[in-house]
């Protein structure tokens, strides 16, 4: 996918997330979000502050168009955008930034991509579940929900990543 088409892809991912939030309530033990993947795969040239602003705006859009707690998605996505550069450096190395190459499964491999997605999902879900429960749910419930939601989120994200991640081969 060419980098200039990612804004349209990003908007489509936000719309899919809105549909997921409104129509796909699997169980109280699962929270499915593809937005951490969308934030993680923003083009490399996108600065950290721009990524945080994008995360905040799309999080608020999802919050207000879904039956959720207003501000919860935004609260959970901004830390992912903040940690995005660190996750990319940790998993893919600094040369990604030196070469200004976007992340793709084809170029960086399934294992590294899955690890990066798991870290982004883990951070998103930690904030989301703690803020959503606000201390009213037992630790075991939150822990189980966190773990199951990471597994589901990474699996779904990996399934759609080849369709959405900017691919530098184009």
N, C-alpha and C. Protein backbone atom coordinates (compact mmCIF):
# COMPACT_ATOMS: atom_id res chain seq x y z
N UNK A 1 0.84 -1.16 0.00
CA UNK A 1 0.00 0.00 0.00
C UNK A 1 0.89 1.23 0.00
N UNK A 2 0.53 2.19 -0.75
CA UNK A 2 1.30 3.43 -0.80
C UNK A 2 0.99 4.27 0.43
N UNK A 3 2.00 5.01 0.89
CA UNK A 3 1.87 5.80 2.12
C UNK A 3 0.76 6.84 2.01
N UNK A 4 0.57 7.41 0.82
CA UNK A 4 -0.44 8.45 0.69
C UNK A 4 -1.87 7.93 0.83
N UNK A 5 -2.06 6.60 0.77
CA UNK A 5 -3.41 6.05 0.95
C UNK A 5 -3.69 5.67 2.40
N UNK A 6 -2.70 5.79 3.28
CA UNK A 6 -2.92 5.39 4.67
C UNK A 6 -3.95 6.25 5.39
N UNK A 7 -4.05 7.56 5.14
CA UNK A 7 -5.12 8.31 5.82
C UNK A 7 -6.51 7.74 5.55
N UNK A 8 -6.78 7.33 4.32
CA UNK A 8 -8.07 6.72 4.01
C UNK A 8 -8.22 5.38 4.73
N UNK A 9 -7.16 4.60 4.73
CA UNK A 9 -7.18 3.32 5.44
C UNK A 9 -7.42 3.53 6.93
N UNK A 10 -6.77 4.53 7.49
CA UNK A 10 -6.92 4.83 8.91
C UNK A 10 -8.37 5.19 9.23
N UNK A 11 -8.98 6.00 8.41
CA UNK A 11 -10.40 6.38 8.60
C UNK A 11 -11.28 5.15 8.51
N UNK A 12 -10.99 4.25 7.57
CA UNK A 12 -11.77 3.01 7.47
C UNK A 12 -11.60 2.14 8.71
N UNK A 13 -10.39 2.09 9.25
CA UNK A 13 -10.16 1.32 10.49
C UNK A 13 -10.94 1.90 11.65
N UNK A 14 -11.01 3.22 11.74
CA UNK A 14 -11.79 3.87 12.80
C UNK A 14 -13.27 3.52 12.63
N UNK A 15 -13.75 3.53 11.38
CA UNK A 15 -15.15 3.18 11.13
C UNK A 15 -15.43 1.72 11.48
N UNK A 16 -14.48 0.83 11.18
CA UNK A 16 -14.64 -0.58 11.55
C UNK A 16 -14.66 -0.72 13.07
N UNK A 17 -13.80 0.05 13.77
CA UNK A 17 -13.79 0.00 15.24
C UNK A 17 -15.13 0.47 15.80
N UNK A 18 -15.72 1.47 15.21
CA UNK A 18 -17.03 1.95 15.65
C UNK A 18 -18.08 0.84 15.48
N UNK A 19 -18.02 0.13 14.35
CA UNK A 19 -18.94 -0.99 14.13
C UNK A 19 -18.70 -2.11 15.15
N UNK A 20 -17.43 -2.39 15.42
CA UNK A 20 -17.10 -3.42 16.43
C UNK A 20 -17.67 -3.03 17.79
N UNK A 21 -17.47 -1.79 18.18
CA UNK A 21 -17.94 -1.34 19.50
C UNK A 21 -19.47 -1.37 19.60
N UNK A 22 -20.14 -1.03 18.52
CA UNK A 22 -21.60 -0.94 18.56
C UNK A 22 -22.31 -2.27 18.36
N UNK A 23 -21.71 -3.19 17.60
CA UNK A 23 -22.44 -4.39 17.20
C UNK A 23 -21.78 -5.71 17.58
N UNK A 24 -20.59 -5.70 18.10
CA UNK A 24 -19.90 -6.96 18.39
C UNK A 24 -19.50 -7.01 19.86
N UNK A 25 -20.45 -7.33 20.70
CA UNK A 25 -20.17 -7.50 22.13
C UNK A 25 -20.13 -9.00 22.40
N UNK A 26 -18.91 -9.55 22.39
CA UNK A 26 -18.75 -10.99 22.50
C UNK A 26 -19.03 -11.50 23.90
N UNK A 27 -18.36 -10.93 24.88
CA UNK A 27 -18.47 -11.37 26.27
C UNK A 27 -17.85 -10.29 27.15
N UNK A 28 -18.20 -10.24 28.42
CA UNK A 28 -17.55 -9.25 29.29
C UNK A 28 -16.05 -9.52 29.47
N UNK A 29 -15.60 -10.70 29.08
CA UNK A 29 -14.18 -11.05 29.23
C UNK A 29 -13.32 -10.61 28.05
N UNK A 30 -13.92 -9.97 27.05
CA UNK A 30 -13.17 -9.57 25.86
C UNK A 30 -13.44 -8.13 25.49
N UNK A 31 -12.39 -7.42 25.13
CA UNK A 31 -12.48 -6.09 24.54
C UNK A 31 -11.65 -6.16 23.27
N UNK A 32 -12.30 -5.93 22.14
CA UNK A 32 -11.60 -5.99 20.86
C UNK A 32 -11.38 -4.59 20.32
N UNK A 33 -10.13 -4.27 20.07
CA UNK A 33 -9.78 -2.98 19.48
C UNK A 33 -8.70 -3.17 18.44
N UNK A 34 -8.93 -2.59 17.27
CA UNK A 34 -7.93 -2.59 16.21
C UNK A 34 -7.22 -1.24 16.14
N UNK A 35 -7.63 -0.30 16.97
CA UNK A 35 -7.02 1.03 16.93
C UNK A 35 -5.55 1.05 17.37
N UNK A 36 -5.11 0.21 18.34
CA UNK A 36 -3.67 0.21 18.63
C UNK A 36 -2.83 -0.14 17.41
N UNK A 37 -3.33 -1.06 16.57
CA UNK A 37 -2.62 -1.40 15.34
C UNK A 37 -2.60 -0.20 14.40
N UNK A 38 -3.71 0.50 14.28
CA UNK A 38 -3.77 1.65 13.40
C UNK A 38 -2.79 2.74 13.83
N UNK A 39 -2.67 2.96 15.13
CA UNK A 39 -1.74 3.96 15.64
C UNK A 39 -0.30 3.48 15.45
N UNK A 40 -0.03 2.22 15.73
CA UNK A 40 1.32 1.68 15.60
C UNK A 40 1.82 1.78 14.16
N UNK A 41 0.94 1.57 13.20
CA UNK A 41 1.34 1.56 11.79
C UNK A 41 1.16 2.90 11.09
N UNK A 42 1.00 3.97 11.86
CA UNK A 42 1.05 5.29 11.23
C UNK A 42 2.38 5.41 10.50
N UNK A 43 2.44 6.15 9.41
CA UNK A 43 3.72 6.30 8.70
C UNK A 43 4.83 6.78 9.64
N UNK A 44 6.04 6.28 9.43
CA UNK A 44 7.19 6.60 10.28
C UNK A 44 7.43 8.10 10.35
N UNK A 45 7.15 8.81 9.28
CA UNK A 45 7.39 10.25 9.26
C UNK A 45 6.46 11.02 10.20
N UNK A 46 5.44 10.35 10.72
CA UNK A 46 4.50 10.97 11.66
C UNK A 46 5.19 11.13 13.02
N UNK A 47 5.28 12.36 13.50
CA UNK A 47 5.96 12.62 14.77
C UNK A 47 5.16 12.07 15.95
N UNK A 48 5.81 12.01 17.09
CA UNK A 48 5.14 11.52 18.29
C UNK A 48 3.97 12.39 18.71
N UNK A 49 4.15 13.71 18.65
CA UNK A 49 3.06 14.61 19.05
C UNK A 49 1.90 14.53 18.05
N UNK A 50 2.21 14.37 16.76
CA UNK A 50 1.14 14.21 15.77
C UNK A 50 0.40 12.90 15.99
N UNK A 51 1.14 11.84 16.30
CA UNK A 51 0.51 10.54 16.57
C UNK A 51 -0.40 10.62 17.79
N UNK A 52 0.04 11.34 18.84
CA UNK A 52 -0.79 11.48 20.04
C UNK A 52 -2.05 12.29 19.74
N UNK A 53 -1.93 13.32 18.92
CA UNK A 53 -3.10 14.12 18.54
C UNK A 53 -4.07 13.28 17.72
N UNK A 54 -3.55 12.52 16.78
CA UNK A 54 -4.39 11.63 15.97
C UNK A 54 -5.08 10.60 16.86
N UNK A 55 -4.34 10.01 17.79
CA UNK A 55 -4.92 9.02 18.71
C UNK A 55 -6.03 9.64 19.55
N UNK A 56 -5.79 10.85 20.05
CA UNK A 56 -6.79 11.52 20.87
C UNK A 56 -8.06 11.81 20.07
N UNK A 57 -7.90 12.33 18.87
CA UNK A 57 -9.06 12.69 18.05
C UNK A 57 -9.84 11.45 17.62
N UNK A 58 -9.14 10.41 17.16
CA UNK A 58 -9.88 9.22 16.74
C UNK A 58 -10.47 8.49 17.95
N UNK A 59 -9.80 8.53 19.09
CA UNK A 59 -10.36 7.94 20.30
C UNK A 59 -11.65 8.64 20.72
N UNK A 60 -11.63 9.97 20.67
CA UNK A 60 -12.86 10.72 20.99
C UNK A 60 -13.97 10.43 19.99
N UNK A 61 -13.62 10.32 18.71
CA UNK A 61 -14.63 10.01 17.70
C UNK A 61 -15.29 8.67 17.98
N UNK A 62 -14.48 7.67 18.30
CA UNK A 62 -15.02 6.35 18.63
C UNK A 62 -15.85 6.42 19.91
N UNK A 63 -15.36 7.14 20.90
CA UNK A 63 -16.09 7.26 22.16
C UNK A 63 -17.47 7.86 21.97
N UNK A 64 -17.55 8.91 21.19
CA UNK A 64 -18.83 9.60 21.05
C UNK A 64 -19.77 8.93 20.07
N UNK A 65 -19.28 8.04 19.23
CA UNK A 65 -20.14 7.34 18.28
C UNK A 65 -20.48 5.93 18.74
N UNK A 66 -20.03 5.57 19.94
CA UNK A 66 -20.31 4.26 20.50
C UNK A 66 -20.99 4.41 21.85
N UNK A 67 -21.46 3.29 22.35
CA UNK A 67 -22.14 3.28 23.64
C UNK A 67 -21.16 3.05 24.78
N UNK A 68 -20.08 3.76 24.78
CA UNK A 68 -19.06 3.56 25.81
C UNK A 68 -18.93 4.78 26.70
N UNK A 69 -17.94 4.73 27.54
CA UNK A 69 -17.64 5.83 28.43
C UNK A 69 -16.91 6.91 27.62
N UNK A 70 -17.45 8.11 27.55
CA UNK A 70 -16.78 9.17 26.77
C UNK A 70 -15.36 9.43 27.30
N UNK A 71 -14.41 9.36 26.40
CA UNK A 71 -13.02 9.62 26.75
C UNK A 71 -12.20 8.39 27.02
N UNK A 72 -12.81 7.22 27.15
CA UNK A 72 -12.09 6.01 27.51
C UNK A 72 -11.15 5.54 26.39
N UNK A 73 -11.62 5.52 25.16
CA UNK A 73 -10.76 5.13 24.03
C UNK A 73 -9.63 6.14 23.87
N UNK A 74 -9.96 7.41 23.97
CA UNK A 74 -8.93 8.45 23.83
C UNK A 74 -7.88 8.32 24.94
N UNK A 75 -8.34 8.11 26.16
CA UNK A 75 -7.42 7.93 27.29
C UNK A 75 -6.49 6.74 27.08
N UNK A 76 -7.00 5.69 26.46
CA UNK A 76 -6.22 4.47 26.27
C UNK A 76 -5.32 4.51 25.04
N UNK A 77 -5.71 5.27 24.02
CA UNK A 77 -4.93 5.32 22.78
C UNK A 77 -3.73 6.27 22.86
N UNK A 78 -3.86 7.35 23.60
CA UNK A 78 -2.77 8.32 23.66
C UNK A 78 -1.48 7.70 24.21
N UNK A 79 -1.51 6.86 25.26
CA UNK A 79 -0.27 6.21 25.70
C UNK A 79 0.34 5.30 24.63
N UNK A 80 -0.49 4.67 23.81
CA UNK A 80 0.02 3.84 22.72
C UNK A 80 0.77 4.72 21.71
N UNK A 81 0.18 5.87 21.40
CA UNK A 81 0.85 6.80 20.47
C UNK A 81 2.15 7.33 21.07
N UNK A 82 2.13 7.59 22.37
CA UNK A 82 3.33 8.06 23.06
C UNK A 82 4.44 7.00 23.03
N UNK A 83 4.06 5.75 23.25
CA UNK A 83 5.03 4.65 23.30
C UNK A 83 5.37 4.08 21.92
N UNK A 84 4.70 4.54 20.89
CA UNK A 84 4.87 4.02 19.54
C UNK A 84 6.33 3.99 19.10
N UNK A 85 7.02 5.09 19.23
CA UNK A 85 8.43 5.16 18.82
C UNK A 85 9.28 4.17 19.60
N UNK A 86 9.05 4.07 20.90
CA UNK A 86 9.79 3.13 21.72
C UNK A 86 9.52 1.68 21.34
N UNK A 87 8.27 1.37 21.08
CA UNK A 87 7.92 0.00 20.66
C UNK A 87 8.60 -0.34 19.34
N UNK A 88 8.54 0.60 18.40
CA UNK A 88 9.16 0.36 17.09
C UNK A 88 10.67 0.19 17.23
N UNK A 89 11.31 1.05 18.03
CA UNK A 89 12.77 0.92 18.24
C UNK A 89 13.11 -0.40 18.92
N UNK A 90 12.34 -0.78 19.92
CA UNK A 90 12.59 -2.02 20.66
C UNK A 90 12.45 -3.25 19.77
N UNK A 91 11.40 -3.29 18.97
CA UNK A 91 11.09 -4.49 18.20
C UNK A 91 11.79 -4.51 16.84
N UNK A 92 11.77 -3.39 16.14
CA UNK A 92 12.27 -3.36 14.76
C UNK A 92 13.65 -2.72 14.62
N UNK A 93 14.10 -2.00 15.65
CA UNK A 93 15.41 -1.38 15.61
C UNK A 93 15.35 0.07 15.14
N UNK A 94 16.43 0.80 15.41
CA UNK A 94 16.50 2.22 15.06
C UNK A 94 16.66 2.47 13.57
N UNK A 95 17.14 1.46 12.84
CA UNK A 95 17.35 1.66 11.42
C UNK A 95 16.05 1.94 10.66
N UNK A 96 14.92 1.54 11.23
CA UNK A 96 13.63 1.86 10.62
C UNK A 96 13.48 3.38 10.49
N UNK A 97 13.88 4.09 11.54
CA UNK A 97 13.78 5.55 11.52
C UNK A 97 14.86 6.17 10.63
N UNK A 98 16.05 5.59 10.65
CA UNK A 98 17.13 6.12 9.82
C UNK A 98 16.79 6.00 8.34
N UNK A 99 16.17 4.88 7.97
CA UNK A 99 15.80 4.66 6.57
C UNK A 99 14.43 5.25 6.22
N UNK A 100 13.71 5.68 7.26
CA UNK A 100 12.35 6.21 7.09
C UNK A 100 11.45 5.21 6.36
N UNK A 101 11.59 3.93 6.77
CA UNK A 101 10.78 2.88 6.16
C UNK A 101 9.61 2.54 7.07
N UNK A 102 8.46 2.35 6.47
CA UNK A 102 7.28 2.00 7.24
C UNK A 102 7.33 0.53 7.62
N UNK A 103 6.57 0.19 8.64
CA UNK A 103 6.51 -1.17 9.15
C UNK A 103 5.59 -1.99 8.24
N UNK A 104 5.99 -3.20 7.93
CA UNK A 104 5.12 -4.10 7.20
C UNK A 104 5.47 -5.53 7.57
N UNK A 105 4.49 -6.40 7.50
CA UNK A 105 4.71 -7.82 7.79
C UNK A 105 5.65 -8.40 6.75
N UNK A 106 5.47 -8.00 5.50
CA UNK A 106 6.30 -8.54 4.42
C UNK A 106 7.78 -8.22 4.63
N UNK A 107 8.07 -7.04 5.13
CA UNK A 107 9.47 -6.62 5.28
C UNK A 107 10.08 -7.06 6.61
N UNK A 108 9.29 -7.00 7.70
CA UNK A 108 9.85 -7.23 9.04
C UNK A 108 9.49 -8.58 9.65
N UNK A 109 8.61 -9.30 9.03
CA UNK A 109 8.27 -10.64 9.51
C UNK A 109 7.09 -10.68 10.45
N UNK A 110 6.47 -11.83 10.49
CA UNK A 110 5.28 -12.03 11.30
C UNK A 110 5.58 -11.99 12.79
N UNK A 111 6.70 -12.57 13.21
CA UNK A 111 7.04 -12.62 14.64
C UNK A 111 7.26 -11.25 15.24
N UNK A 112 8.06 -10.43 14.58
CA UNK A 112 8.31 -9.08 15.08
C UNK A 112 7.04 -8.24 15.06
N UNK A 113 6.26 -8.39 14.00
CA UNK A 113 5.01 -7.63 13.91
C UNK A 113 4.05 -8.05 15.02
N UNK A 114 3.95 -9.34 15.28
CA UNK A 114 3.08 -9.84 16.36
C UNK A 114 3.54 -9.32 17.71
N UNK A 115 4.85 -9.28 17.95
CA UNK A 115 5.37 -8.76 19.21
C UNK A 115 5.03 -7.28 19.37
N UNK A 116 5.23 -6.50 18.33
CA UNK A 116 4.91 -5.07 18.39
C UNK A 116 3.42 -4.85 18.64
N UNK A 117 2.59 -5.62 17.96
CA UNK A 117 1.15 -5.52 18.17
C UNK A 117 0.76 -5.92 19.59
N UNK A 118 1.39 -6.96 20.12
CA UNK A 118 1.10 -7.41 21.48
C UNK A 118 1.47 -6.33 22.50
N UNK A 119 2.61 -5.67 22.31
CA UNK A 119 3.00 -4.59 23.23
C UNK A 119 2.02 -3.42 23.15
N UNK A 120 1.63 -3.04 21.95
CA UNK A 120 0.67 -1.94 21.79
C UNK A 120 -0.69 -2.31 22.40
N UNK A 121 -1.15 -3.54 22.13
CA UNK A 121 -2.42 -3.99 22.70
C UNK A 121 -2.35 -4.06 24.22
N UNK A 122 -1.24 -4.56 24.75
CA UNK A 122 -1.10 -4.69 26.21
C UNK A 122 -1.19 -3.34 26.89
N UNK A 123 -0.52 -2.35 26.34
CA UNK A 123 -0.56 -1.01 26.91
C UNK A 123 -1.96 -0.41 26.81
N UNK A 124 -2.55 -0.50 25.62
CA UNK A 124 -3.91 0.02 25.42
C UNK A 124 -4.89 -0.63 26.41
N UNK A 125 -4.85 -1.95 26.48
CA UNK A 125 -5.81 -2.67 27.33
C UNK A 125 -5.57 -2.46 28.81
N UNK A 126 -4.33 -2.30 29.22
CA UNK A 126 -4.05 -2.03 30.63
C UNK A 126 -4.74 -0.74 31.06
N UNK A 127 -4.57 0.30 30.28
CA UNK A 127 -5.21 1.59 30.61
C UNK A 127 -6.72 1.46 30.48
N UNK A 128 -7.19 0.84 29.42
CA UNK A 128 -8.63 0.73 29.15
C UNK A 128 -9.35 -0.05 30.25
N UNK A 129 -8.82 -1.20 30.61
CA UNK A 129 -9.49 -2.06 31.59
C UNK A 129 -9.45 -1.44 32.99
N UNK A 130 -8.32 -0.85 33.36
CA UNK A 130 -8.23 -0.20 34.67
C UNK A 130 -9.19 0.98 34.75
N UNK A 131 -9.22 1.81 33.71
CA UNK A 131 -10.11 2.98 33.72
C UNK A 131 -11.58 2.57 33.62
N UNK A 132 -11.87 1.54 32.85
CA UNK A 132 -13.25 1.10 32.67
C UNK A 132 -13.80 0.48 33.95
N UNK A 133 -12.99 -0.31 34.64
CA UNK A 133 -13.44 -0.95 35.86
C UNK A 133 -13.44 -0.02 37.06
N UNK A 134 -12.53 0.96 37.04
CA UNK A 134 -12.41 1.95 38.12
C UNK A 134 -12.41 1.30 39.51
N UNK A 135 -11.71 0.17 39.62
CA UNK A 135 -11.58 -0.49 40.91
C UNK A 135 -12.79 -1.28 41.35
N UNK A 136 -13.77 -1.47 40.48
CA UNK A 136 -14.99 -2.18 40.87
C UNK A 136 -14.96 -3.66 40.54
N UNK A 137 -14.01 -4.08 39.73
CA UNK A 137 -13.93 -5.49 39.34
C UNK A 137 -12.75 -6.14 40.05
N UNK A 138 -12.85 -7.44 40.32
CA UNK A 138 -11.73 -8.12 40.99
C UNK A 138 -10.51 -8.22 40.07
N UNK A 139 -9.35 -8.34 40.68
CA UNK A 139 -8.10 -8.41 39.96
C UNK A 139 -8.07 -9.58 38.98
N UNK A 140 -8.57 -10.74 39.39
CA UNK A 140 -8.55 -11.92 38.52
C UNK A 140 -9.37 -11.68 37.26
N UNK A 141 -10.51 -10.99 37.40
CA UNK A 141 -11.36 -10.70 36.25
C UNK A 141 -10.63 -9.77 35.28
N UNK A 142 -10.04 -8.70 35.82
CA UNK A 142 -9.31 -7.75 34.97
C UNK A 142 -8.11 -8.41 34.30
N UNK A 143 -7.41 -9.27 35.02
CA UNK A 143 -6.25 -9.95 34.46
C UNK A 143 -6.65 -10.90 33.33
N UNK A 144 -7.71 -11.65 33.55
CA UNK A 144 -8.20 -12.57 32.52
C UNK A 144 -8.68 -11.80 31.29
N UNK A 145 -9.42 -10.73 31.53
CA UNK A 145 -9.91 -9.91 30.42
C UNK A 145 -8.74 -9.31 29.64
N UNK A 146 -7.71 -8.85 30.36
CA UNK A 146 -6.53 -8.26 29.73
C UNK A 146 -5.84 -9.29 28.84
N UNK A 147 -5.59 -10.47 29.36
CA UNK A 147 -4.89 -11.52 28.62
C UNK A 147 -5.70 -11.99 27.41
N UNK A 148 -6.97 -12.31 27.60
CA UNK A 148 -7.80 -12.79 26.49
C UNK A 148 -7.97 -11.72 25.41
N UNK A 149 -8.10 -10.48 25.84
CA UNK A 149 -8.27 -9.38 24.89
C UNK A 149 -7.00 -9.12 24.09
N UNK A 150 -5.83 -9.28 24.72
CA UNK A 150 -4.57 -9.15 23.98
C UNK A 150 -4.51 -10.23 22.90
N UNK A 151 -4.80 -11.47 23.28
CA UNK A 151 -4.74 -12.56 22.31
C UNK A 151 -5.69 -12.34 21.14
N UNK A 152 -6.92 -11.93 21.43
CA UNK A 152 -7.88 -11.68 20.36
C UNK A 152 -7.47 -10.47 19.52
N UNK A 153 -7.05 -9.41 20.18
CA UNK A 153 -6.65 -8.19 19.46
C UNK A 153 -5.47 -8.41 18.54
N UNK A 154 -4.48 -9.16 19.00
CA UNK A 154 -3.30 -9.45 18.17
C UNK A 154 -3.70 -10.34 17.00
N UNK A 155 -4.53 -11.34 17.25
CA UNK A 155 -4.96 -12.23 16.18
C UNK A 155 -5.74 -11.48 15.09
N UNK A 156 -6.68 -10.65 15.50
CA UNK A 156 -7.46 -9.89 14.53
C UNK A 156 -6.57 -8.87 13.81
N UNK A 157 -5.71 -8.21 14.56
CA UNK A 157 -4.81 -7.22 13.95
C UNK A 157 -3.87 -7.87 12.94
N UNK A 158 -3.33 -9.03 13.29
CA UNK A 158 -2.44 -9.74 12.35
C UNK A 158 -3.19 -10.15 11.09
N UNK A 159 -4.46 -10.52 11.26
CA UNK A 159 -5.25 -10.93 10.10
C UNK A 159 -5.46 -9.77 9.12
N UNK A 160 -5.62 -8.56 9.65
CA UNK A 160 -5.89 -7.43 8.75
C UNK A 160 -4.67 -6.56 8.48
N UNK A 161 -3.56 -6.80 9.17
CA UNK A 161 -2.36 -5.99 8.97
C UNK A 161 -1.87 -5.97 7.53
N UNK A 162 -1.82 -7.10 6.83
CA UNK A 162 -1.33 -7.03 5.45
C UNK A 162 -2.20 -6.13 4.56
N UNK A 163 -3.44 -5.96 4.92
CA UNK A 163 -4.32 -5.09 4.13
C UNK A 163 -4.18 -3.62 4.50
N UNK A 164 -3.66 -3.36 5.70
CA UNK A 164 -3.68 -1.99 6.20
C UNK A 164 -2.32 -1.35 6.39
N UNK A 165 -1.30 -2.15 6.71
CA UNK A 165 0.00 -1.57 7.02
C UNK A 165 0.66 -1.03 5.74
N UNK A 166 1.21 0.17 5.79
CA UNK A 166 1.91 0.69 4.61
C UNK A 166 3.05 -0.26 4.25
N UNK A 167 3.11 -0.63 3.01
CA UNK A 167 4.13 -1.57 2.54
C UNK A 167 5.14 -0.83 1.69
N UNK A 168 6.39 -0.89 2.09
CA UNK A 168 7.43 -0.13 1.40
C UNK A 168 7.81 -0.75 0.06
N UNK A 169 7.23 -1.89 -0.29
CA UNK A 169 7.56 -2.51 -1.57
C UNK A 169 6.88 -1.82 -2.73
N UNK A 170 5.84 -1.03 -2.49
CA UNK A 170 5.12 -0.35 -3.58
C UNK A 170 5.94 0.75 -4.19
